[in-house]
Amino acid sequence: MPAVELAAIRALADQGNLAAAQEAARAAMRHHPLSVELWYLLAFLALADGKANDAVASLRRLIYIDPGLAAAHMLLGAVLKDKGEAPAARRAFETAFALCAGRPEQEKVPLLDGETCGHLAQIARRQLEQIPPSGGAAS
């Protein structure tokens, strides 16, 4: 996926034109159906538009394309947690933690603009502390 196309889609979203950004992203998807950057951006656009289910669908498709993307698992966990789907959120955070904990702490996490594996592992661990293994509410 050309960076210029992604930047143009992001610019539309930054200007508050979510409908145009989503339309441009869907059009780009026809030419780049395996672009992890584009699926990640589609998830964010869906969230910005209040469409959590669409975001979950985009993230699950992204994880299918590249199951090793910790950023996708973290965002999926956050969306599922907000939707009240604690067991699924926990699985997503566990996967994100495992992916990051198995990497050098200072290694950059793909899709997260400079975020390190060590820091993302800490965030995932904190999220896991809030969701008991049974999926019930933390006390």
C-alpha atoms as a PDB file:
ATOM      1  CA  MET A   1       0.000   0.000   0.000  1.00  0.00           C
ATOM      2  CA  PRO A   2       1.597   3.264  -1.068  1.00  0.00           C
ATOM      3  CA  ALA A   3       2.251   5.628   1.827  1.00  0.00           C
ATOM      4  CA  VAL A   4       0.798   8.494  -0.226  1.00  0.00           C
ATOM      5  CA  GLU A   5      -2.592   6.742  -0.389  1.00  0.00           C
ATOM      6  CA  LEU A   6      -2.578   6.087   3.357  1.00  0.00           C
ATOM      7  CA  ALA A   7      -1.605   9.695   4.047  1.00  0.00           C
ATOM      8  CA  ALA A   8      -4.447  10.960   1.860  1.00  0.00           C
ATOM      9  CA  ILE A   9      -6.969   8.770   3.687  1.00  0.00           C
ATOM     10  CA  ARG A  10      -5.621   9.914   7.064  1.00  0.00           C
ATOM     11  CA  ALA A  11      -5.825  13.546   5.948  1.00  0.00           C
ATOM     12  CA  LEU A  12      -9.514  13.121   5.123  1.00  0.00           C
ATOM     13  CA  ALA A  13     -10.110  11.628   8.560  1.00  0.00           C
ATOM     14  CA  ASP A  14      -8.081  14.389  10.252  1.00  0.00           C
ATOM     15  CA  GLN A  15     -10.281  16.957   8.507  1.00  0.00           C
ATOM     16  CA  GLY A  16     -13.312  15.276  10.049  1.00  0.00           C
ATOM     17  CA  ASN A  17     -14.515  13.796   6.783  1.00  0.00           C
ATOM     18  CA  LEU A  18     -14.959  10.220   8.002  1.00  0.00           C
ATOM     19  CA  ALA A  19     -17.352   9.223   5.226  1.00  0.00           C
ATOM     20  CA  ALA A  20     -14.875  10.247   2.529  1.00  0.00           C
ATOM     21  CA  ALA A  21     -12.003   8.606   4.404  1.00  0.00           C
ATOM     22  CA  GLN A  22     -13.940   5.356   4.711  1.00  0.00           C
ATOM     23  CA  GLU A  23     -14.916   5.475   1.036  1.00  0.00           C
ATOM     24  CA  ALA A  24     -11.293   6.092   0.005  1.00  0.00           C
ATOM     25  CA  ALA A  25     -10.117   3.274   2.264  1.00  0.00           C
ATOM     26  CA  ARG A  26     -12.634   0.846   0.782  1.00  0.00           C
ATOM     27  CA  ALA A  27     -11.576   1.871  -2.732  1.00  0.00           C
ATOM     28  CA  ALA A  28      -7.913   1.348  -1.826  1.00  0.00           C
ATOM     29  CA  MET A  29      -8.810  -2.027  -0.341  1.00  0.00           C
ATOM     30  CA  ARG A  30      -9.930  -3.216  -3.778  1.00  0.00           C
ATOM     31  CA  HIS A  31      -6.325  -2.758  -4.980  1.00  0.00           C
ATOM     32  CA  HIS A  32      -4.549  -3.721  -1.751  1.00  0.00           C
ATOM     33  CA  PRO A  33      -6.698  -6.366  -0.011  1.00  0.00           C
ATOM     34  CA  LEU A  34      -3.809  -7.670   2.102  1.00  0.00           C
ATOM     35  CA  SER A  35      -2.516  -4.309   3.310  1.00  0.00           C
ATOM     36  CA  VAL A  36      -2.167  -4.540   7.089  1.00  0.00           C
ATOM     37  CA  GLU A  37      -1.829  -0.759   7.331  1.00  0.00           C
ATOM     38  CA  LEU A  38      -5.102  -0.294   5.485  1.00  0.00           C
ATOM     39  CA  TRP A  39      -7.027  -2.815   7.615  1.00  0.00           C
ATOM     40  CA  TYR A  40      -5.673  -1.128  10.760  1.00  0.00           C
ATOM     41  CA  LEU A  41      -6.722   2.278   9.436  1.00  0.00           C
ATOM     42  CA  LEU A  42     -10.172   0.925   8.539  1.00  0.00           C
ATOM     43  CA  ALA A  43     -10.568  -0.264  12.129  1.00  0.00           C
ATOM     44  CA  PHE A  44      -9.716   3.196  13.467  1.00  0.00           C
ATOM     45  CA  LEU A  45     -12.069   4.868  11.014  1.00  0.00           C
ATOM     46  CA  ALA A  46     -14.870   2.547  12.109  1.00  0.00           C
ATOM     47  CA  LEU A  47     -14.187   3.372  15.763  1.00  0.00           C
ATOM     48  CA  ALA A  48     -14.143   7.099  15.038  1.00  0.00           C
ATOM     49  CA  ASP A  49     -17.517   6.666  13.353  1.00  0.00           C
ATOM     50  CA  GLY A  50     -18.955   4.779  16.345  1.00  0.00           C
ATOM     51  CA  LYS A  51     -19.019   1.427  14.551  1.00  0.00           C
ATOM     52  CA  ALA A  52     -17.337  -0.917  17.017  1.00  0.00           C
ATOM     53  CA  ASN A  53     -18.611  -4.055  15.270  1.00  0.00           C
ATOM     54  CA  ASP A  54     -17.058  -2.931  11.984  1.00  0.00           C
ATOM     55  CA  ALA A  55     -13.801  -2.201  13.808  1.00  0.00           C
ATOM     56  CA  VAL A  56     -13.817  -5.704  15.312  1.00  0.00           C
ATOM     57  CA  ALA A  57     -14.431  -7.211  11.865  1.00  0.00           C
ATOM     58  CA  SER A  58     -11.527  -5.240  10.356  1.00  0.00           C
ATOM     59  CA  LEU A  59      -9.208  -6.196  13.200  1.00  0.00           C
ATOM     60  CA  ARG A  60     -10.118  -9.871  12.970  1.00  0.00           C
ATOM     61  CA  ARG A  61      -9.460  -9.824   9.237  1.00  0.00           C
ATOM     62  CA  LEU A  62      -6.134  -8.075   9.887  1.00  0.00           C
ATOM     63  CA  ILE A  63      -5.174 -10.709  12.458  1.00  0.00           C
ATOM     64  CA  TYR A  64      -6.096 -13.414   9.953  1.00  0.00           C
ATOM     65  CA  ILE A  65      -3.719 -11.801   7.422  1.00  0.00           C
ATOM     66  CA  ASP A  66      -0.910 -11.343   9.974  1.00  0.00           C
ATOM     67  CA  PRO A  67      -1.480 -13.021  13.354  1.00  0.00           C
ATOM     68  CA  GLY A  68       1.788 -11.625  14.693  1.00  0.00           C
ATOM     69  CA  LEU A  69       0.691  -7.985  14.824  1.00  0.00           C
ATOM     70  CA  ALA A  70       0.592  -7.102  18.510  1.00  0.00           C
ATOM     71  CA  ALA A  71      -0.974  -3.708  17.746  1.00  0.00           C
ATOM     72  CA  ALA A  72      -3.993  -5.376  16.167  1.00  0.00           C
ATOM     73  CA  HIS A  73      -4.466  -7.698  19.146  1.00  0.00           C
ATOM     74  CA  MET A  74      -4.201  -4.749  21.576  1.00  0.00           C
ATOM     75  CA  LEU A  75      -6.755  -2.664  19.724  1.00  0.00           C
ATOM     76  CA  LEU A  76      -9.062  -5.667  19.370  1.00  0.00           C
ATOM     77  CA  GLY A  77      -8.783  -6.266  23.113  1.00  0.00           C
ATOM     78  CA  ALA A  78      -9.629  -2.645  23.883  1.00  0.00           C
ATOM     79  CA  VAL A  79     -12.667  -2.640  21.596  1.00  0.00           C
ATOM     80  CA  LEU A  80     -13.940  -5.960  22.941  1.00  0.00           C
ATOM     81  CA  LYS A  81     -13.405  -4.791  26.531  1.00  0.00           C
ATOM     82  CA  ASP A  82     -15.464  -1.658  25.804  1.00  0.00           C
ATOM     83  CA  LYS A  83     -18.179  -3.859  24.302  1.00  0.00           C
ATOM     84  CA  GLY A  84     -18.289  -5.927  27.503  1.00  0.00           C
ATOM     85  CA  GLU A  85     -16.818  -9.035  25.882  1.00  0.00           C
ATOM     86  CA  ALA A  86     -14.318  -9.727  28.670  1.00  0.00           C
ATOM     87  CA  PRO A  87     -13.249 -13.302  27.781  1.00  0.00           C
ATOM     88  CA  ALA A  88     -12.519 -12.369  24.157  1.00  0.00           C
ATOM     89  CA  ALA A  89     -10.796  -9.153  25.257  1.00  0.00           C
ATOM     90  CA  ARG A  90      -8.639 -11.138  27.654  1.00  0.00           C
ATOM     91  CA  ARG A  91      -7.562 -13.523  24.874  1.00  0.00           C
ATOM     92  CA  ALA A  92      -6.605 -10.570  22.667  1.00  0.00           C
ATOM     93  CA  PHE A  93      -4.583  -8.925  25.455  1.00  0.00           C
ATOM     94  CA  GLU A  94      -2.914 -12.255  26.299  1.00  0.00           C
ATOM     95  CA  THR A  95      -1.850 -12.631  22.680  1.00  0.00           C
ATOM     96  CA  ALA A  96      -0.557  -9.057  22.514  1.00  0.00           C
ATOM     97  CA  PHE A  97       1.386  -9.599  25.725  1.00  0.00           C
ATOM     98  CA  ALA A  98       2.892 -12.871  24.484  1.00  0.00           C
ATOM     99  CA  LEU A  99       3.900 -11.313  21.166  1.00  0.00           C
ATOM    100  CA  CYS A 100       5.594  -8.359  22.852  1.00  0.00           C
ATOM    101  CA  ALA A 101       7.117 -10.196  25.813  1.00  0.00           C
ATOM    102  CA  GLY A 102       8.879 -12.523  23.391  1.00  0.00           C
ATOM    103  CA  ARG A 103      10.648  -9.629  21.633  1.00  0.00           C
ATOM    104  CA  PRO A 104      13.475  -7.293  22.694  1.00  0.00           C
ATOM    105  CA  GLU A 105      12.057  -4.532  24.920  1.00  0.00           C
ATOM    106  CA  GLN A 106      13.265  -1.676  22.700  1.00  0.00           C
ATOM    107  CA  GLU A 107      12.055  -3.229  19.445  1.00  0.00           C
ATOM    108  CA  LYS A 108       9.493  -1.038  17.697  1.00  0.00           C
ATOM    109  CA  VAL A 109       5.975  -2.431  17.356  1.00  0.00           C
ATOM    110  CA  PRO A 110       4.722  -2.390  13.758  1.00  0.00           C
ATOM    111  CA  LEU A 111       1.802   0.006  13.127  1.00  0.00           C
ATOM    112  CA  LEU A 112       2.367   1.963  16.359  1.00  0.00           C
ATOM    113  CA  ASP A 113       4.631   4.868  15.368  1.00  0.00           C
ATOM    114  CA  GLY A 114       7.608   4.190  17.626  1.00  0.00           C
ATOM    115  CA  GLU A 115       5.922   2.305  20.472  1.00  0.00           C
ATOM    116  CA  THR A 116       8.231  -0.342  21.924  1.00  0.00           C
ATOM    117  CA  CYS A 117       7.510  -3.990  22.643  1.00  0.00           C
ATOM    118  CA  GLY A 118       8.452  -3.512  26.295  1.00  0.00           C
ATOM    119  CA  HIS A 119       5.977  -0.681  26.802  1.00  0.00           C
ATOM    120  CA  LEU A 120       3.160  -2.423  24.934  1.00  0.00           C
ATOM    121  CA  ALA A 121       3.756  -5.572  27.017  1.00  0.00           C
ATOM    122  CA  GLN A 122       3.337  -3.460  30.175  1.00  0.00           C
ATOM    123  CA  ILE A 123       0.088  -1.990  28.877  1.00  0.00           C
ATOM    124  CA  ALA A 124      -1.220  -5.445  27.956  1.00  0.00           C
ATOM    125  CA  ARG A 125      -0.288  -6.770  31.404  1.00  0.00           C
ATOM    126  CA  ARG A 126      -2.188  -3.901  33.083  1.00  0.00           C
ATOM    127  CA  GLN A 127      -5.232  -4.654  30.937  1.00  0.00           C
ATOM    128  CA  LEU A 128      -5.028  -8.330  31.878  1.00  0.00           C
ATOM    129  CA  GLU A 129      -4.954  -7.404  35.574  1.00  0.00           C
ATOM    130  CA  GLN A 130      -8.338  -5.731  35.080  1.00  0.00           C
ATOM    131  CA  ILE A 131      -9.943  -8.826  33.520  1.00  0.00           C
ATOM    132  CA  PRO A 132      -9.894 -11.950  35.719  1.00  0.00           C
ATOM    133  CA  PRO A 133      -9.291 -15.281  33.933  1.00  0.00           C
ATOM    134  CA  SER A 134     -12.942 -16.201  34.488  1.00  0.00           C
ATOM    135  CA  GLY A 135     -13.976 -13.157  32.436  1.00  0.00           C
ATOM    136  CA  GLY A 136     -15.816 -11.574  35.349  1.00  0.00           C
ATOM    137  CA  ALA A 137     -15.328  -8.059  36.602  1.00  0.00           C
ATOM    138  CA  ALA A 138     -12.198  -7.169  38.517  1.00  0.00           C
ATOM    139  CA  SER A 139     -12.705  -6.142  42.113  1.00  0.00           C
END
